[in-house]
């Protein structure tokens, strides 16, 4: 259980860094304000915590033999979705515009849009589970409320981030 609590804390820190990084990127795109070193500091820190969260998640799954069995899939839909989205986000994470600049802009834009959708659904599915693991939520009504609020916030953030990504890339599509 200690490993799960550690992973929940790391996941919440990763979420916070991701939101700060995304907010900074959004503000810099919209207002053309750029502090050159900040994206690298935030991105490097985010990568460190993201990889730590992914590695610990894999250890938890295999250490506890906590994989989703076919016969229990209906009961474990949320867990299966959380893990599948985590794997997909980990794969797409490495196609960041900084590391995959060799790809055409349209491809990078599509990857970013899909990445943000996957990450925000992963957050919406996982956030309350992290709070439960840490003991912050013990009431089923609070859990449902947190899930609803998280879903609304994640949907709004996903729409905003994807609008920024698409509009910031629109001028670059002419050369594709």
Protein backbone atom coordinates (compact mmCIF):
# COMPACT_ATOMS: atom_id res chain seq x y z
CA UNK A 1 0.00 0.00 0.00
CA UNK A 2 2.94 2.31 0.62
CA UNK A 3 4.01 2.02 -3.00
CA UNK A 4 0.48 2.92 -4.15
CA UNK A 5 0.47 5.97 -1.86
CA UNK A 6 3.88 7.03 -3.14
CA UNK A 7 2.65 6.64 -6.70
CA UNK A 8 -0.50 8.65 -5.92
CA UNK A 9 1.63 11.51 -4.56
CA UNK A 10 3.92 11.36 -7.59
CA UNK A 11 0.87 11.31 -9.89
CA UNK A 12 -0.58 14.41 -8.23
CA UNK A 13 2.77 16.22 -8.45
CA UNK A 14 2.99 15.18 -12.12
CA UNK A 15 -0.51 16.54 -12.67
CA UNK A 16 0.42 19.85 -11.07
CA UNK A 17 3.59 20.20 -13.17
CA UNK A 18 1.66 19.20 -16.31
CA UNK A 19 -0.96 21.87 -15.64
CA UNK A 20 1.68 24.55 -14.98
CA UNK A 21 3.59 23.53 -18.12
CA UNK A 22 0.38 23.52 -20.21
CA UNK A 23 -0.75 26.84 -18.77
CA UNK A 24 2.62 28.40 -19.53
CA UNK A 25 2.53 27.05 -23.09
CA UNK A 26 -1.02 28.36 -23.56
CA UNK A 27 -0.13 31.82 -22.26
CA UNK A 28 3.01 31.94 -24.39
CA UNK A 29 1.05 30.99 -27.54
CA UNK A 30 -1.81 33.38 -26.89
CA UNK A 31 0.16 36.40 -25.65
CA UNK A 32 3.50 35.69 -27.39
CA UNK A 33 5.32 35.88 -24.06
CA UNK A 34 8.26 33.50 -23.87
CA UNK A 35 10.84 32.77 -21.18
CA UNK A 36 13.23 30.45 -23.08
CA UNK A 37 14.49 28.42 -20.12
CA UNK A 38 11.11 27.86 -18.41
CA UNK A 39 9.68 25.25 -20.84
CA UNK A 40 12.89 23.22 -20.51
CA UNK A 41 12.83 23.31 -16.70
CA UNK A 42 9.13 22.46 -16.56
CA UNK A 43 9.42 19.88 -19.33
CA UNK A 44 12.43 18.17 -17.76
CA UNK A 45 10.79 18.07 -14.34
CA UNK A 46 7.54 16.82 -15.88
CA UNK A 47 9.39 14.09 -17.76
CA UNK A 48 11.14 12.94 -14.56
CA UNK A 49 7.88 12.67 -12.59
CA UNK A 50 5.95 11.23 -15.55
CA UNK A 51 8.49 8.43 -16.03
CA UNK A 52 8.63 7.78 -12.26
CA UNK A 53 4.82 7.51 -12.16
CA UNK A 54 4.80 5.17 -15.17
CA UNK A 55 7.54 2.91 -13.77
CA UNK A 56 5.95 2.68 -10.32
CA UNK A 57 2.56 1.97 -11.93
CA UNK A 58 4.04 -0.93 -13.88
CA UNK A 59 5.75 -2.26 -10.72
CA UNK A 60 2.46 -2.09 -8.82
CA UNK A 61 0.60 -3.91 -11.59
CA UNK A 62 3.10 -6.76 -11.84
CA UNK A 63 4.10 -6.95 -8.17
CA UNK A 64 0.51 -7.37 -7.08
CA UNK A 65 -0.48 -9.34 -10.19
CA UNK A 66 -3.04 -6.58 -10.46
CA UNK A 67 -3.82 -7.04 -14.14
CA UNK A 68 -7.39 -6.91 -15.37
CA UNK A 69 -8.77 -10.38 -15.96
CA UNK A 70 -11.17 -10.94 -18.85
CA UNK A 71 -13.93 -12.33 -16.62
CA UNK A 72 -13.81 -9.25 -14.36
CA UNK A 73 -13.49 -6.65 -17.11
CA UNK A 74 -17.02 -5.31 -16.55
CA UNK A 75 -16.23 -4.63 -12.90
CA UNK A 76 -12.79 -3.19 -13.65
CA UNK A 77 -13.63 -0.97 -16.62
CA UNK A 78 -12.36 2.16 -14.91
CA UNK A 79 -9.07 0.50 -13.94
CA UNK A 80 -8.61 -0.98 -17.41
CA UNK A 81 -9.34 2.40 -19.00
CA UNK A 82 -6.92 4.11 -16.60
CA UNK A 83 -4.12 1.70 -17.47
CA UNK A 84 -4.75 1.70 -21.21
CA UNK A 85 -4.83 5.49 -21.34
CA UNK A 86 -1.69 5.62 -19.21
CA UNK A 87 0.12 3.38 -21.69
CA UNK A 88 -1.12 5.41 -24.67
CA UNK A 89 -0.15 8.70 -23.05
CA UNK A 90 3.31 7.31 -22.28
CA UNK A 91 3.77 6.35 -25.94
CA UNK A 92 2.50 9.68 -27.29
CA UNK A 93 4.49 11.64 -24.70
CA UNK A 94 7.65 10.92 -26.68
CA UNK A 95 6.17 12.58 -29.78
CA UNK A 96 6.42 15.99 -28.19
CA UNK A 97 7.11 18.77 -30.73
CA UNK A 98 10.55 19.28 -29.18
CA UNK A 99 11.58 15.65 -29.77
CA UNK A 100 9.63 14.86 -32.94
CA UNK A 101 10.26 18.03 -34.92
CA UNK A 102 11.19 15.92 -37.96
CA UNK A 103 7.50 15.06 -38.43
CA UNK A 104 5.24 17.28 -40.55
CA UNK A 105 3.38 19.97 -38.56
CA UNK A 106 -0.01 18.44 -39.34
CA UNK A 107 1.11 15.08 -37.90
CA UNK A 108 2.51 16.74 -34.76
CA UNK A 109 -0.71 18.68 -34.33
CA UNK A 110 -2.86 15.56 -34.61
CA UNK A 111 -0.57 13.75 -32.15
CA UNK A 112 -0.82 16.66 -29.69
CA UNK A 113 -4.62 16.78 -29.95
CA UNK A 114 -4.91 13.03 -29.38
CA UNK A 115 -2.34 13.22 -26.56
CA UNK A 116 -4.27 15.94 -24.72
CA UNK A 117 -7.53 14.02 -25.10
CA UNK A 118 -5.95 10.84 -23.74
CA UNK A 119 -4.18 12.61 -20.87
CA UNK A 120 -7.25 14.53 -19.74
CA UNK A 121 -9.46 11.43 -19.83
CA UNK A 122 -6.73 9.58 -17.88
CA UNK A 123 -6.73 12.39 -15.31
CA UNK A 124 -10.54 12.40 -15.12
CA UNK A 125 -10.55 8.65 -14.48
CA UNK A 126 -7.56 8.61 -12.11
CA UNK A 127 -7.76 11.75 -9.97
CA UNK A 128 -10.34 10.51 -7.47
CA UNK A 129 -8.59 7.14 -7.23
CA UNK A 130 -5.40 8.91 -6.15
CA UNK A 131 -7.34 10.84 -3.51
CA UNK A 132 -8.95 7.62 -2.27
CA UNK A 133 -5.53 5.94 -2.07
CA UNK A 134 -4.24 8.86 0.02
CA UNK A 135 -7.29 8.72 2.28
CA UNK A 136 -8.56 12.16 1.26
CA UNK A 137 -11.89 10.73 0.09
CA UNK A 138 -13.77 8.10 2.04
CA UNK A 139 -17.38 8.98 1.25
CA UNK A 140 -19.05 7.66 -1.91
CA UNK A 141 -20.99 10.91 -2.45
CA UNK A 142 -17.76 12.93 -2.28
CA UNK A 143 -16.17 10.49 -4.70
CA UNK A 144 -18.97 10.98 -7.22
CA UNK A 145 -18.78 14.76 -6.81
CA UNK A 146 -15.00 14.77 -7.30
CA UNK A 147 -15.41 12.57 -10.38
CA UNK A 148 -18.01 14.92 -11.88
CA UNK A 149 -16.05 18.09 -11.15
CA UNK A 150 -12.84 16.51 -12.44
CA UNK A 151 -14.59 15.42 -15.64
CA UNK A 152 -15.92 18.94 -16.23
CA UNK A 153 -12.57 20.60 -15.53
CA UNK A 154 -10.66 18.09 -17.68
CA UNK A 155 -13.12 18.51 -20.55
CA UNK A 156 -12.75 22.29 -20.41
CA UNK A 157 -8.95 22.13 -20.22
CA UNK A 158 -8.81 19.63 -23.07
CA UNK A 159 -10.91 21.88 -25.29
CA UNK A 160 -8.81 24.95 -24.44
CA UNK A 161 -5.48 23.16 -24.93
CA UNK A 162 -6.57 21.64 -28.23
CA UNK A 163 -7.89 24.98 -29.50
CA UNK A 164 -4.54 26.58 -28.67
CA UNK A 165 -2.62 23.75 -30.34
CA UNK A 166 -4.71 23.85 -33.52
CA UNK A 167 -4.85 27.63 -33.85
CA UNK A 168 -1.14 28.00 -33.15
CA UNK A 169 -0.38 25.51 -35.92
CA UNK A 170 -2.87 26.81 -38.53
CA UNK A 171 -0.35 29.15 -40.14
CA UNK A 172 2.13 26.32 -40.44
CA UNK A 173 -0.23 24.04 -42.42
CA UNK A 174 0.27 26.04 -45.62
CA UNK A 175 3.76 24.59 -46.03
CA UNK A 176 2.67 20.96 -45.54
